[in-house]
Amino acid sequence: MKLLVFVSPGCPHCPAAESVARRVAPEYNEFGLYFKKVRTRTDEGKRLSSMYRIMATPTILLVNDEGEEKKRIVGTPSESSLKNEIEKALGLKKSFFGKIFGKK
């Protein structure tokens, strides 16, 4: 699973979003989570932005190993919110309905 953080120059919220992701991501390395900062103005950033239809920055994507988007967060999440979304995407946490009905 990849945690992609899309940032652009001059974006006032991008440094905060990147900082939250950098603090949280290492806690999930043992579960195969890989952090990557994507600068939208680079060739790779333009390609990935187009591929995932990034319309605003900061945007954080959780992408599985096949490249499928599992979760999109636009803006700067709190650490607890980001952890919650990562845990759900990795299958470490069941949703509210999953707890009731026995599904993830």
Protein backbone atom coordinates (compact mmCIF):
# COMPACT_ATOMS: atom_id res chain seq x y z
CA MET A 1 0.00 0.00 0.00
CA LYS A 2 1.29 3.46 -0.89
CA LEU A 3 0.56 6.75 0.82
CA LEU A 4 0.93 9.39 -1.90
CA VAL A 5 0.94 13.04 -0.84
CA PHE A 6 0.40 15.41 -3.77
CA VAL A 7 1.85 18.88 -3.16
CA SER A 8 2.42 21.98 -5.26
CA PRO A 9 4.61 25.05 -4.88
CA GLY A 10 2.95 28.00 -3.20
CA CYS A 11 0.29 25.82 -1.57
CA PRO A 12 -0.13 27.11 1.99
CA HIS A 13 -1.56 23.82 3.34
CA CYS A 14 0.79 21.38 1.62
CA PRO A 15 3.63 21.54 4.19
CA ALA A 16 1.21 20.70 7.01
CA ALA A 17 -0.32 17.77 5.09
CA GLU A 18 3.13 16.41 4.24
CA SER A 19 4.23 16.78 7.86
CA VAL A 20 1.22 14.82 9.17
CA ALA A 21 1.80 12.06 6.60
CA ARG A 22 5.54 11.87 7.39
CA ARG A 23 4.81 11.51 11.12
CA VAL A 24 2.11 8.87 10.69
CA ALA A 25 3.45 6.70 7.83
CA PRO A 26 6.40 5.09 9.68
CA GLU A 27 3.98 3.56 12.20
CA TYR A 28 2.62 1.38 9.38
CA ASN A 29 5.84 0.42 7.57
CA GLU A 30 5.66 -3.06 9.06
CA PHE A 31 2.28 -3.49 7.32
CA GLY A 32 3.79 -2.59 3.95
CA LEU A 33 2.84 1.10 3.85
CA TYR A 34 5.20 3.16 1.70
CA PHE A 35 5.21 6.99 1.86
CA LYS A 36 5.86 9.08 -1.25
CA LYS A 37 5.71 12.84 -1.72
CA VAL A 38 4.57 13.74 -5.23
CA ARG A 39 5.42 17.20 -6.52
CA THR A 40 2.72 18.03 -9.07
CA ARG A 41 5.02 20.16 -11.26
CA THR A 42 7.58 17.41 -11.98
CA ASP A 43 7.20 15.04 -14.94
CA GLU A 44 6.35 12.15 -12.61
CA GLY A 45 3.99 14.39 -10.63
CA LYS A 46 2.17 15.51 -13.78
CA ARG A 47 1.78 11.89 -14.88
CA LEU A 48 0.50 10.70 -11.50
CA SER A 49 -1.74 13.77 -11.08
CA SER A 50 -3.35 13.02 -14.42
CA MET A 51 -3.62 9.30 -13.70
CA TYR A 52 -5.36 9.84 -10.35
CA ARG A 53 -7.23 12.99 -11.46
CA ILE A 54 -5.76 15.27 -8.82
CA MET A 55 -7.67 18.56 -8.90
CA ALA A 56 -6.40 20.25 -5.71
CA THR A 57 -3.46 20.15 -3.36
CA PRO A 58 -2.78 18.87 -0.85
CA THR A 59 -4.36 15.53 -1.76
CA ILE A 60 -3.42 12.33 0.03
CA LEU A 61 -4.14 9.01 -1.66
CA LEU A 62 -3.97 5.50 -0.29
CA VAL A 63 -3.22 3.27 -3.27
CA ASN A 64 -2.95 -0.53 -3.24
CA ASP A 65 -0.11 -2.48 -4.88
CA GLU A 66 -2.09 -2.74 -8.13
CA GLY A 67 -2.34 1.07 -8.29
CA GLU A 68 -6.03 1.22 -7.37
CA GLU A 69 -7.09 4.20 -5.28
CA LYS A 70 -8.52 3.05 -1.94
CA LYS A 71 -8.96 6.39 -0.18
CA ARG A 72 -8.68 10.07 -1.12
CA ILE A 73 -8.23 12.88 1.41
CA VAL A 74 -8.25 16.43 0.09
CA GLY A 75 -6.80 18.97 2.50
CA THR A 76 -4.82 18.47 5.68
CA PRO A 77 -6.13 15.66 7.90
CA SER A 78 -5.51 15.34 11.61
CA GLU A 79 -3.10 12.59 12.65
CA SER A 80 -5.92 10.54 14.18
CA SER A 81 -8.06 10.87 11.04
CA LEU A 82 -5.18 9.80 8.79
CA LYS A 83 -4.33 6.85 11.06
CA ASN A 84 -7.97 5.78 11.00
CA GLU A 85 -8.09 5.83 7.18
CA ILE A 86 -4.77 3.98 6.87
CA GLU A 87 -5.92 1.28 9.30
CA LYS A 88 -9.18 0.81 7.38
CA ALA A 89 -7.33 0.62 4.04
CA LEU A 90 -4.85 -1.93 5.44
CA GLY A 91 -7.67 -4.00 6.92
CA LEU A 92 -6.46 -3.41 10.48
CA LYS A 93 -9.69 -1.80 11.61
CA LYS A 94 -13.30 -2.67 11.01
CA SER A 95 -15.83 0.00 10.19
CA PHE A 96 -18.73 0.77 12.52
CA PHE A 97 -21.07 -1.34 10.36
CA GLY A 98 -18.45 -4.05 10.11
CA LYS A 99 -18.44 -4.39 13.87
CA ILE A 100 -22.22 -4.80 13.82
CA PHE A 101 -22.58 -6.98 10.73
CA GLY A 102 -19.20 -8.72 10.76
CA LYS A 103 -17.78 -7.06 7.64
CA LYS A 104 -14.72 -4.88 7.09
